[in-house]
Amino acid sequence: MAIIRCSSCGFFYDEEKYGACPKCSGAYRAGRAEESVLVIGGAVKAGADAFIQTGETGFLAGWLVCVRGPQRGRDFRIFPGFNRIGRQTYSDICLEDALVARENHCSVVYEPKRGKFFLVPGMGTVTFKNGKRIDGAEPLEEGDVIGLGESLLAFVPFDWKEYTWET
């Protein structure tokens, strides 16, 4: 095991496991299995359009900007697919907030085929969108604020109509 610090973002990671910084490069996402954003506890919500991760990686989809909490002023990149938020170092978005669950407090999901973002709460965690508690997958729009633990994260999509990664 070789724990090193990323020269770009300052994140500590295991170089043997990831090869590149998992926080700012997104390179480790390619090996993830397909999964549905609407599968909760093994059941798919009836009539829902399920998001399936397509394996597209590396393309920036947006950002979360911490506006309150221990990492105030810091931004976190969002990529296509699931972007799991938690305290563990292997989380896609690692928050240093003692009130955030270690694993998968919630996820921000980007579905590239439709250009849509979703906020999905984790199991047994409390997550807020614009001050209201969410119980299932919720669409995310520019300027929405995600509340978890002591942190507030503002959502900023990469939405420059001239450029889409799919074309």
C-alpha atoms as a PDB file:
ATOM      1  CA  MET A   1       0.000   0.000   0.000  1.00  0.00           C
ATOM      2  CA  ALA A   2       1.320   3.425  -0.978  1.00  0.00           C
ATOM      3  CA  ILE A   3      -0.771   6.293   0.387  1.00  0.00           C
ATOM      4  CA  ILE A   4       0.103   9.492  -1.436  1.00  0.00           C
ATOM      5  CA  ARG A   5      -1.302  13.003  -1.623  1.00  0.00           C
ATOM      6  CA  CYS A   6      -2.677  14.285  -4.931  1.00  0.00           C
ATOM      7  CA  SER A   7      -0.745  17.327  -6.113  1.00  0.00           C
ATOM      8  CA  SER A   8      -3.898  18.766  -7.749  1.00  0.00           C
ATOM      9  CA  CYS A   9      -6.527  18.534  -5.017  1.00  0.00           C
ATOM     10  CA  GLY A  10      -4.641  17.427  -1.875  1.00  0.00           C
ATOM     11  CA  PHE A  11      -6.679  14.214  -1.466  1.00  0.00           C
ATOM     12  CA  PHE A  12      -4.882  11.209   0.096  1.00  0.00           C
ATOM     13  CA  TYR A  13      -5.300   7.898  -1.756  1.00  0.00           C
ATOM     14  CA  ASP A  14      -3.758   4.455  -2.272  1.00  0.00           C
ATOM     15  CA  GLU A  15      -1.699   4.715  -5.465  1.00  0.00           C
ATOM     16  CA  GLU A  16      -1.534   0.929  -5.897  1.00  0.00           C
ATOM     17  CA  LYS A  17      -5.326   0.622  -5.743  1.00  0.00           C
ATOM     18  CA  TYR A  18      -6.338   3.591  -7.911  1.00  0.00           C
ATOM     19  CA  GLY A  19      -3.353   4.542 -10.067  1.00  0.00           C
ATOM     20  CA  ALA A  20      -4.647   8.129 -10.236  1.00  0.00           C
ATOM     21  CA  CYS A  21      -6.419  10.381  -7.768  1.00  0.00           C
ATOM     22  CA  PRO A  22      -9.999   9.079  -7.379  1.00  0.00           C
ATOM     23  CA  LYS A  23     -11.207  12.460  -6.222  1.00  0.00           C
ATOM     24  CA  CYS A  24     -10.226  14.628  -9.168  1.00  0.00           C
ATOM     25  CA  SER A  25      -9.521  12.269 -12.071  1.00  0.00           C
ATOM     26  CA  GLY A  26     -12.503   9.888 -12.080  1.00  0.00           C
ATOM     27  CA  ALA A  27     -10.278   7.235 -13.735  1.00  0.00           C
ATOM     28  CA  TYR A  28     -11.228   4.466 -11.283  1.00  0.00           C
ATOM     29  CA  ARG A  29     -14.935   4.628 -12.207  1.00  0.00           C
ATOM     30  CA  ALA A  30     -14.539   2.617 -15.417  1.00  0.00           C
ATOM     31  CA  GLY A  31     -14.634  -0.735 -13.635  1.00  0.00           C
ATOM     32  CA  ARG A  32     -17.945  -0.254 -11.816  1.00  0.00           C
ATOM     33  CA  ALA A  33     -20.847  -2.592 -12.441  1.00  0.00           C
ATOM     34  CA  GLU A  34     -24.140  -1.352 -13.877  1.00  0.00           C
ATOM     35  CA  GLU A  35     -26.701  -0.277 -11.329  1.00  0.00           C
ATOM     36  CA  SER A  36     -30.032   1.470 -11.220  1.00  0.00           C
ATOM     37  CA  VAL A  37     -30.697   4.732  -9.409  1.00  0.00           C
ATOM     38  CA  LEU A  38     -34.237   3.620  -8.612  1.00  0.00           C
ATOM     39  CA  VAL A  39     -33.428   0.225  -7.106  1.00  0.00           C
ATOM     40  CA  ILE A  40     -33.849   0.588  -3.371  1.00  0.00           C
ATOM     41  CA  GLY A  41     -33.833  -2.470  -1.148  1.00  0.00           C
ATOM     42  CA  GLY A  42     -33.903  -4.752  -4.206  1.00  0.00           C
ATOM     43  CA  ALA A  43     -37.133  -3.371  -5.701  1.00  0.00           C
ATOM     44  CA  VAL A  44     -37.549  -1.077  -8.718  1.00  0.00           C
ATOM     45  CA  LYS A  45     -40.166   1.647  -8.450  1.00  0.00           C
ATOM     46  CA  ALA A  46     -43.021   0.827 -10.840  1.00  0.00           C
ATOM     47  CA  GLY A  47     -43.319   3.003 -13.946  1.00  0.00           C
ATOM     48  CA  ALA A  48     -40.033   4.781 -13.297  1.00  0.00           C
ATOM     49  CA  ASP A  49     -37.327   5.363 -15.888  1.00  0.00           C
ATOM     50  CA  ALA A  50     -34.359   3.612 -14.315  1.00  0.00           C
ATOM     51  CA  PHE A  51     -30.927   5.107 -14.858  1.00  0.00           C
ATOM     52  CA  ILE A  52     -28.318   2.561 -15.838  1.00  0.00           C
ATOM     53  CA  GLN A  53     -24.658   3.453 -15.599  1.00  0.00           C
ATOM     54  CA  THR A  54     -23.214   3.102 -19.090  1.00  0.00           C
ATOM     55  CA  GLY A  55     -19.534   3.038 -18.207  1.00  0.00           C
ATOM     56  CA  GLU A  56     -18.903   6.486 -19.684  1.00  0.00           C
ATOM     57  CA  THR A  57     -16.270   8.086 -17.501  1.00  0.00           C
ATOM     58  CA  GLY A  58     -13.896  10.960 -17.225  1.00  0.00           C
ATOM     59  CA  PHE A  59     -16.208  13.614 -18.641  1.00  0.00           C
ATOM     60  CA  LEU A  60     -17.069  16.378 -16.210  1.00  0.00           C
ATOM     61  CA  ALA A  61     -20.822  16.723 -15.660  1.00  0.00           C
ATOM     62  CA  GLY A  62     -20.922  19.389 -12.940  1.00  0.00           C
ATOM     63  CA  TRP A  63     -19.842  20.402  -9.456  1.00  0.00           C
ATOM     64  CA  LEU A  64     -20.956  20.504  -5.869  1.00  0.00           C
ATOM     65  CA  VAL A  65     -19.704  23.532  -3.964  1.00  0.00           C
ATOM     66  CA  CYS A  66     -19.617  23.389  -0.177  1.00  0.00           C
ATOM     67  CA  VAL A  67     -21.289  26.588   1.063  1.00  0.00           C
ATOM     68  CA  ARG A  68     -21.536  25.551   4.737  1.00  0.00           C
ATOM     69  CA  GLY A  69     -19.681  23.010   6.816  1.00  0.00           C
ATOM     70  CA  PRO A  70     -16.108  21.908   7.501  1.00  0.00           C
ATOM     71  CA  GLN A  71     -15.063  22.152   3.824  1.00  0.00           C
ATOM     72  CA  ARG A  72     -16.723  25.486   3.065  1.00  0.00           C
ATOM     73  CA  GLY A  73     -15.418  26.978  -0.183  1.00  0.00           C
ATOM     74  CA  ARG A  74     -14.298  23.648  -1.653  1.00  0.00           C
ATOM     75  CA  ASP A  75     -15.722  22.223  -4.878  1.00  0.00           C
ATOM     76  CA  PHE A  76     -16.234  18.584  -5.845  1.00  0.00           C
ATOM     77  CA  ARG A  77     -16.474  17.289  -9.402  1.00  0.00           C
ATOM     78  CA  ILE A  78     -19.452  15.267 -10.626  1.00  0.00           C
ATOM     79  CA  PHE A  79     -19.025  12.672 -13.381  1.00  0.00           C
ATOM     80  CA  PRO A  80     -21.512  10.527 -15.362  1.00  0.00           C
ATOM     81  CA  GLY A  81     -23.054   7.756 -13.273  1.00  0.00           C
ATOM     82  CA  PHE A  82     -23.178   7.535  -9.498  1.00  0.00           C
ATOM     83  CA  ASN A  83     -21.199  10.026  -7.411  1.00  0.00           C
ATOM     84  CA  ARG A  84     -21.419   8.625  -3.879  1.00  0.00           C
ATOM     85  CA  ILE A  85     -21.010  11.050  -0.988  1.00  0.00           C
ATOM     86  CA  GLY A  86     -19.607   9.834   2.327  1.00  0.00           C
ATOM     87  CA  ARG A  87     -16.711  10.159   4.778  1.00  0.00           C
ATOM     88  CA  GLN A  88     -14.699   7.156   3.545  1.00  0.00           C
ATOM     89  CA  THR A  89     -11.667   7.965   1.412  1.00  0.00           C
ATOM     90  CA  TYR A  90     -12.974   5.745  -1.392  1.00  0.00           C
ATOM     91  CA  SER A  91     -16.202   7.770  -1.642  1.00  0.00           C
ATOM     92  CA  ASP A  92     -16.510   9.645  -4.927  1.00  0.00           C
ATOM     93  CA  ILE A  93     -17.076  12.800  -2.893  1.00  0.00           C
ATOM     94  CA  CYS A  94     -15.388  12.562   0.496  1.00  0.00           C
ATOM     95  CA  LEU A  95     -16.704  15.016   3.093  1.00  0.00           C
ATOM     96  CA  GLU A  96     -14.877  15.689   6.343  1.00  0.00           C
ATOM     97  CA  ASP A  97     -18.134  16.057   8.281  1.00  0.00           C
ATOM     98  CA  ALA A  98     -18.602  13.848  11.363  1.00  0.00           C
ATOM     99  CA  LEU A  99     -22.399  13.809  10.841  1.00  0.00           C
ATOM    100  CA  VAL A 100     -22.146  12.402   7.304  1.00  0.00           C
ATOM    101  CA  ALA A 101     -22.382   8.611   6.966  1.00  0.00           C
ATOM    102  CA  ARG A 102     -19.108   6.838   6.248  1.00  0.00           C
ATOM    103  CA  GLU A 103     -20.472   5.029   3.216  1.00  0.00           C
ATOM    104  CA  ASN A 104     -22.988   6.369   0.721  1.00  0.00           C
ATOM    105  CA  HIS A 105     -24.816   9.022   2.718  1.00  0.00           C
ATOM    106  CA  CYS A 106     -26.360   9.975  -0.614  1.00  0.00           C
ATOM    107  CA  SER A 107     -25.473  10.052  -4.302  1.00  0.00           C
ATOM    108  CA  VAL A 108     -25.650  12.555  -7.113  1.00  0.00           C
ATOM    109  CA  VAL A 109     -26.355  10.721 -10.345  1.00  0.00           C
ATOM    110  CA  TYR A 110     -25.856  12.098 -13.836  1.00  0.00           C
ATOM    111  CA  GLU A 111     -27.664  10.324 -16.669  1.00  0.00           C
ATOM    112  CA  PRO A 112     -25.835  11.410 -19.844  1.00  0.00           C
ATOM    113  CA  LYS A 113     -28.380  10.110 -22.371  1.00  0.00           C
ATOM    114  CA  ARG A 114     -31.077  12.448 -21.061  1.00  0.00           C
ATOM    115  CA  GLY A 115     -28.779  15.068 -19.567  1.00  0.00           C
ATOM    116  CA  LYS A 116     -30.531  14.744 -16.193  1.00  0.00           C
ATOM    117  CA  PHE A 117     -29.211  14.836 -12.627  1.00  0.00           C
ATOM    118  CA  PHE A 118     -30.749  13.101  -9.609  1.00  0.00           C
ATOM    119  CA  LEU A 119     -30.168  13.189  -5.849  1.00  0.00           C
ATOM    120  CA  VAL A 120     -30.582   9.767  -4.234  1.00  0.00           C
ATOM    121  CA  PRO A 121     -30.537   9.327  -0.435  1.00  0.00           C
ATOM    122  CA  GLY A 122     -28.557   6.479   1.089  1.00  0.00           C
ATOM    123  CA  MET A 123     -30.102   3.778   3.235  1.00  0.00           C
ATOM    124  CA  GLY A 124     -30.914   5.018   6.737  1.00  0.00           C
ATOM    125  CA  THR A 125     -29.558   8.535   6.203  1.00  0.00           C
ATOM    126  CA  VAL A 126     -31.227  11.925   6.263  1.00  0.00           C
ATOM    127  CA  THR A 127     -30.662  14.056   3.168  1.00  0.00           C
ATOM    128  CA  PHE A 128     -32.272  17.383   2.318  1.00  0.00           C
ATOM    129  CA  LYS A 129     -32.837  19.131  -1.004  1.00  0.00           C
ATOM    130  CA  ASN A 130     -33.559  22.852  -0.659  1.00  0.00           C
ATOM    131  CA  GLY A 131     -34.448  22.376   3.015  1.00  0.00           C
ATOM    132  CA  LYS A 132     -36.923  19.510   2.453  1.00  0.00           C
ATOM    133  CA  ARG A 133     -36.129  15.930   3.445  1.00  0.00           C
ATOM    134  CA  ILE A 134     -36.069  13.523   0.508  1.00  0.00           C
ATOM    135  CA  ASP A 135     -37.183   9.892   0.643  1.00  0.00           C
ATOM    136  CA  GLY A 136     -36.342   8.760  -2.907  1.00  0.00           C
ATOM    137  CA  ALA A 137     -34.632   9.825  -6.117  1.00  0.00           C
ATOM    138  CA  GLU A 138     -35.246  13.537  -6.776  1.00  0.00           C
ATOM    139  CA  PRO A 139     -34.302  15.526  -9.891  1.00  0.00           C
ATOM    140  CA  LEU A 140     -31.551  18.114  -9.333  1.00  0.00           C
ATOM    141  CA  GLU A 141     -31.616  21.525 -10.979  1.00  0.00           C
ATOM    142  CA  GLU A 142     -29.009  24.283 -11.081  1.00  0.00           C
ATOM    143  CA  GLY A 143     -28.808  26.081  -7.735  1.00  0.00           C
ATOM    144  CA  ASP A 144     -30.404  23.307  -5.666  1.00  0.00           C
ATOM    145  CA  VAL A 145     -28.806  22.950  -2.239  1.00  0.00           C
ATOM    146  CA  ILE A 146     -28.105  19.526  -0.738  1.00  0.00           C
ATOM    147  CA  GLY A 147     -28.051  19.280   3.054  1.00  0.00           C
ATOM    148  CA  LEU A 148     -26.292  16.419   4.821  1.00  0.00           C
ATOM    149  CA  GLY A 149     -24.696  16.427   8.242  1.00  0.00           C
ATOM    150  CA  GLU A 150     -23.480  19.959   8.996  1.00  0.00           C
ATOM    151  CA  SER A 151     -22.743  20.588   5.316  1.00  0.00           C
ATOM    152  CA  LEU A 152     -24.645  22.366   2.559  1.00  0.00           C
ATOM    153  CA  LEU A 153     -23.583  21.679  -1.030  1.00  0.00           C
ATOM    154  CA  ALA A 154     -24.757  23.885  -3.904  1.00  0.00           C
ATOM    155  CA  PHE A 155     -25.282  22.082  -7.221  1.00  0.00           C
ATOM    156  CA  VAL A 156     -23.797  23.550 -10.419  1.00  0.00           C
ATOM    157  CA  PRO A 157     -24.262  21.529 -13.651  1.00  0.00           C
ATOM    158  CA  PHE A 158     -21.924  21.808 -16.624  1.00  0.00           C
ATOM    159  CA  ASP A 159     -24.578  23.088 -18.981  1.00  0.00           C
ATOM    160  CA  TRP A 160     -22.950  24.792 -21.897  1.00  0.00           C
ATOM    161  CA  LYS A 161     -25.309  24.001 -24.769  1.00  0.00           C
ATOM    162  CA  GLU A 162     -22.568  24.281 -27.419  1.00  0.00           C
ATOM    163  CA  TYR A 163     -20.695  21.383 -25.851  1.00  0.00           C
ATOM    164  CA  THR A 164     -22.072  18.008 -24.886  1.00  0.00           C
ATOM    165  CA  TRP A 165     -19.807  15.047 -24.275  1.00  0.00           C
ATOM    166  CA  GLU A 166     -22.197  12.664 -26.029  1.00  0.00           C
ATOM    167  CA  THR A 167     -21.667  14.249 -29.486  1.00  0.00           C
END
